[in-house]
């Protein structure tokens, strides 16, 4: 239990540090960094992998809807 309490305290402190740094960067700069991280400089293979990975939930929902129509 003590170990869990220490981890929780560390998490809270780390989150405060991230929040302070984000306030320093500002919203616009955070959005620029997010854009660069998600979209800039990806190879074709990385784009295909990302699209395939993100299509899995859509495919699962679509097949679930088809099963309901048939039943």
N, C-alpha and C. Protein backbone atom coordinates (compact mmCIF):
# COMPACT_ATOMS: atom_id res chain seq x y z
N UNK A 1 0.83 -1.19 0.00
CA UNK A 1 0.00 0.00 0.00
C UNK A 1 0.87 1.26 0.00
N UNK A 2 1.99 1.20 0.73
CA UNK A 2 2.89 2.34 0.80
C UNK A 2 3.49 2.61 -0.58
N UNK A 3 3.83 1.55 -1.31
CA UNK A 3 4.40 1.70 -2.64
C UNK A 3 3.39 2.36 -3.58
N UNK A 4 2.14 1.99 -3.49
CA UNK A 4 1.09 2.58 -4.32
C UNK A 4 0.92 4.06 -3.99
N UNK A 5 0.99 4.39 -2.72
CA UNK A 5 0.88 5.79 -2.29
C UNK A 5 2.04 6.62 -2.84
N UNK A 6 3.24 6.06 -2.82
CA UNK A 6 4.40 6.76 -3.37
C UNK A 6 4.26 6.98 -4.87
N UNK A 7 3.78 5.97 -5.57
CA UNK A 7 3.59 6.08 -7.01
C UNK A 7 2.55 7.14 -7.34
N UNK A 8 1.49 7.18 -6.54
CA UNK A 8 0.44 8.16 -6.76
C UNK A 8 0.97 9.57 -6.52
N UNK A 9 1.77 9.75 -5.48
CA UNK A 9 2.36 11.05 -5.18
C UNK A 9 3.31 11.47 -6.30
N UNK A 10 4.10 10.55 -6.79
CA UNK A 10 5.01 10.84 -7.90
C UNK A 10 4.24 11.22 -9.15
N UNK A 11 3.15 10.50 -9.43
CA UNK A 11 2.33 10.80 -10.59
C UNK A 11 1.77 12.22 -10.50
N UNK A 12 1.26 12.59 -9.35
CA UNK A 12 0.68 13.93 -9.16
C UNK A 12 1.75 14.99 -9.40
N UNK A 13 2.94 14.80 -8.86
CA UNK A 13 4.01 15.77 -9.03
C UNK A 13 4.43 15.86 -10.50
N UNK A 14 4.54 14.71 -11.17
CA UNK A 14 4.91 14.72 -12.59
C UNK A 14 3.84 15.41 -13.42
N UNK A 15 2.59 15.18 -13.10
CA UNK A 15 1.51 15.82 -13.83
C UNK A 15 1.54 17.34 -13.64
N UNK A 16 1.84 17.78 -12.43
CA UNK A 16 1.96 19.22 -12.17
C UNK A 16 3.09 19.82 -13.00
N UNK A 17 4.22 19.09 -13.10
CA UNK A 17 5.34 19.57 -13.91
C UNK A 17 4.96 19.67 -15.38
N UNK A 18 4.26 18.68 -15.89
CA UNK A 18 3.82 18.72 -17.29
C UNK A 18 2.86 19.89 -17.51
N UNK A 19 1.96 20.11 -16.57
CA UNK A 19 1.00 21.20 -16.68
C UNK A 19 1.71 22.56 -16.68
N UNK A 20 2.67 22.73 -15.81
CA UNK A 20 3.43 23.99 -15.77
C UNK A 20 4.18 24.23 -17.07
N UNK A 21 4.80 23.19 -17.62
CA UNK A 21 5.54 23.33 -18.87
C UNK A 21 4.59 23.63 -20.03
N UNK A 22 3.42 23.02 -20.02
CA UNK A 22 2.44 23.29 -21.07
C UNK A 22 1.95 24.73 -21.00
N UNK A 23 1.78 25.26 -19.80
CA UNK A 23 1.39 26.66 -19.66
C UNK A 23 2.47 27.58 -20.20
N UNK A 24 3.73 27.23 -20.01
CA UNK A 24 4.83 28.03 -20.53
C UNK A 24 4.83 28.02 -22.06
N UNK A 25 4.58 26.86 -22.64
CA UNK A 25 4.60 26.71 -24.10
C UNK A 25 3.45 27.45 -24.75
N UNK A 26 2.29 27.46 -24.13
CA UNK A 26 1.11 28.10 -24.69
C UNK A 26 0.34 27.15 -25.61
N UNK A 27 -0.92 27.46 -25.81
CA UNK A 27 -1.82 26.60 -26.56
C UNK A 27 -1.38 26.44 -28.01
N UNK A 28 -1.03 27.54 -28.65
CA UNK A 28 -0.65 27.50 -30.07
C UNK A 28 0.59 26.64 -30.28
N UNK A 29 1.58 26.81 -29.45
CA UNK A 29 2.80 26.02 -29.59
C UNK A 29 2.55 24.55 -29.30
N UNK A 30 1.69 24.25 -28.34
CA UNK A 30 1.32 22.86 -28.06
C UNK A 30 0.66 22.25 -29.29
N UNK A 31 -0.23 23.00 -29.95
CA UNK A 31 -0.90 22.49 -31.15
C UNK A 31 0.11 22.28 -32.29
N UNK A 32 1.10 23.17 -32.41
CA UNK A 32 2.14 22.99 -33.42
C UNK A 32 2.96 21.73 -33.15
N UNK A 33 3.31 21.52 -31.89
CA UNK A 33 4.07 20.32 -31.53
C UNK A 33 3.26 19.06 -31.78
N UNK A 34 1.98 19.11 -31.47
CA UNK A 34 1.10 17.97 -31.70
C UNK A 34 0.99 17.67 -33.20
N UNK A 35 0.84 18.71 -34.01
CA UNK A 35 0.77 18.54 -35.46
C UNK A 35 2.04 17.89 -35.99
N UNK A 36 3.20 18.40 -35.54
CA UNK A 36 4.48 17.85 -35.98
C UNK A 36 4.61 16.39 -35.56
N UNK A 37 4.18 16.07 -34.36
CA UNK A 37 4.30 14.71 -33.85
C UNK A 37 3.41 13.74 -34.60
N UNK A 38 2.20 14.18 -34.93
CA UNK A 38 1.24 13.27 -35.55
C UNK A 38 1.36 13.17 -37.07
N UNK A 39 1.69 14.26 -37.75
CA UNK A 39 1.56 14.27 -39.20
C UNK A 39 2.84 14.51 -39.99
N UNK A 40 3.76 15.30 -39.48
CA UNK A 40 4.92 15.71 -40.27
C UNK A 40 5.97 14.60 -40.30
N UNK A 41 6.49 14.32 -41.49
CA UNK A 41 7.61 13.41 -41.64
C UNK A 41 7.29 11.94 -41.61
N UNK A 42 6.05 11.56 -41.79
CA UNK A 42 5.71 10.14 -41.81
C UNK A 42 6.00 9.55 -43.18
N UNK A 43 6.46 8.32 -43.19
CA UNK A 43 6.68 7.61 -44.44
C UNK A 43 5.36 7.01 -44.90
N UNK A 44 5.33 6.52 -46.14
CA UNK A 44 4.11 5.89 -46.66
C UNK A 44 3.74 4.68 -45.82
N UNK A 45 4.73 3.90 -45.41
CA UNK A 45 4.45 2.73 -44.58
C UNK A 45 3.82 3.13 -43.25
N UNK A 46 4.33 4.20 -42.65
CA UNK A 46 3.77 4.66 -41.38
C UNK A 46 2.33 5.13 -41.54
N UNK A 47 2.03 5.81 -42.66
CA UNK A 47 0.66 6.24 -42.91
C UNK A 47 -0.27 5.05 -43.09
N UNK A 48 0.17 4.06 -43.84
CA UNK A 48 -0.65 2.86 -44.06
C UNK A 48 -0.89 2.15 -42.74
N UNK A 49 0.16 1.99 -41.94
CA UNK A 49 0.04 1.35 -40.63
C UNK A 49 -0.95 2.11 -39.75
N UNK A 50 -0.84 3.43 -39.71
CA UNK A 50 -1.73 4.26 -38.90
C UNK A 50 -3.18 4.12 -39.36
N UNK A 51 -3.40 4.15 -40.67
CA UNK A 51 -4.76 4.02 -41.19
C UNK A 51 -5.34 2.63 -40.93
N UNK A 52 -4.53 1.61 -41.10
CA UNK A 52 -5.02 0.26 -40.81
C UNK A 52 -5.35 0.08 -39.34
N UNK A 53 -4.49 0.60 -38.49
CA UNK A 53 -4.71 0.49 -37.05
C UNK A 53 -5.98 1.23 -36.62
N UNK A 54 -6.20 2.41 -37.18
CA UNK A 54 -7.37 3.19 -36.78
C UNK A 54 -8.65 2.68 -37.42
N UNK A 55 -8.55 1.83 -38.44
CA UNK A 55 -9.77 1.31 -39.08
C UNK A 55 -10.34 0.10 -38.35
N UNK A 56 -9.58 -0.48 -37.45
CA UNK A 56 -10.05 -1.68 -36.74
C UNK A 56 -11.34 -1.41 -35.96
N UNK A 57 -11.45 -0.36 -35.13
CA UNK A 57 -12.71 -0.12 -34.42
C UNK A 57 -13.89 0.11 -35.36
N UNK A 58 -13.64 0.82 -36.46
CA UNK A 58 -14.71 1.05 -37.43
C UNK A 58 -15.18 -0.28 -38.02
N UNK A 59 -14.25 -1.14 -38.39
CA UNK A 59 -14.59 -2.44 -38.96
C UNK A 59 -15.39 -3.29 -37.96
N UNK A 60 -14.97 -3.27 -36.70
CA UNK A 60 -15.68 -4.05 -35.68
C UNK A 60 -17.11 -3.54 -35.47
N UNK A 61 -17.29 -2.23 -35.43
CA UNK A 61 -18.63 -1.67 -35.28
C UNK A 61 -19.49 -1.97 -36.50
N UNK A 62 -18.89 -1.93 -37.69
CA UNK A 62 -19.62 -2.20 -38.92
C UNK A 62 -20.09 -3.66 -38.96
N UNK A 63 -19.22 -4.59 -38.57
CA UNK A 63 -19.62 -6.00 -38.57
C UNK A 63 -20.66 -6.26 -37.49
N UNK A 64 -20.58 -5.55 -36.37
CA UNK A 64 -21.59 -5.71 -35.33
C UNK A 64 -22.96 -5.24 -35.84
N UNK A 65 -22.97 -4.13 -36.58
CA UNK A 65 -24.22 -3.61 -37.14
C UNK A 65 -24.78 -4.57 -38.19
N UNK A 66 -23.93 -5.20 -38.98
CA UNK A 66 -24.40 -6.16 -39.97
C UNK A 66 -25.04 -7.37 -39.29
N UNK A 67 -24.45 -7.82 -38.19
CA UNK A 67 -25.01 -8.96 -37.47
C UNK A 67 -26.39 -8.63 -36.92
N UNK A 68 -26.59 -7.39 -36.45
CA UNK A 68 -27.89 -7.00 -35.92
C UNK A 68 -28.94 -6.95 -37.03
N UNK A 69 -28.55 -6.52 -38.23
CA UNK A 69 -29.48 -6.47 -39.35
C UNK A 69 -29.93 -7.85 -39.75
N UNK A 70 -29.02 -8.80 -39.75
CA UNK A 70 -29.32 -10.17 -40.17
C UNK A 70 -30.21 -10.86 -39.14
N UNK A 71 -29.97 -10.59 -37.88
CA UNK A 71 -30.70 -11.28 -36.81
C UNK A 71 -32.10 -10.77 -36.65
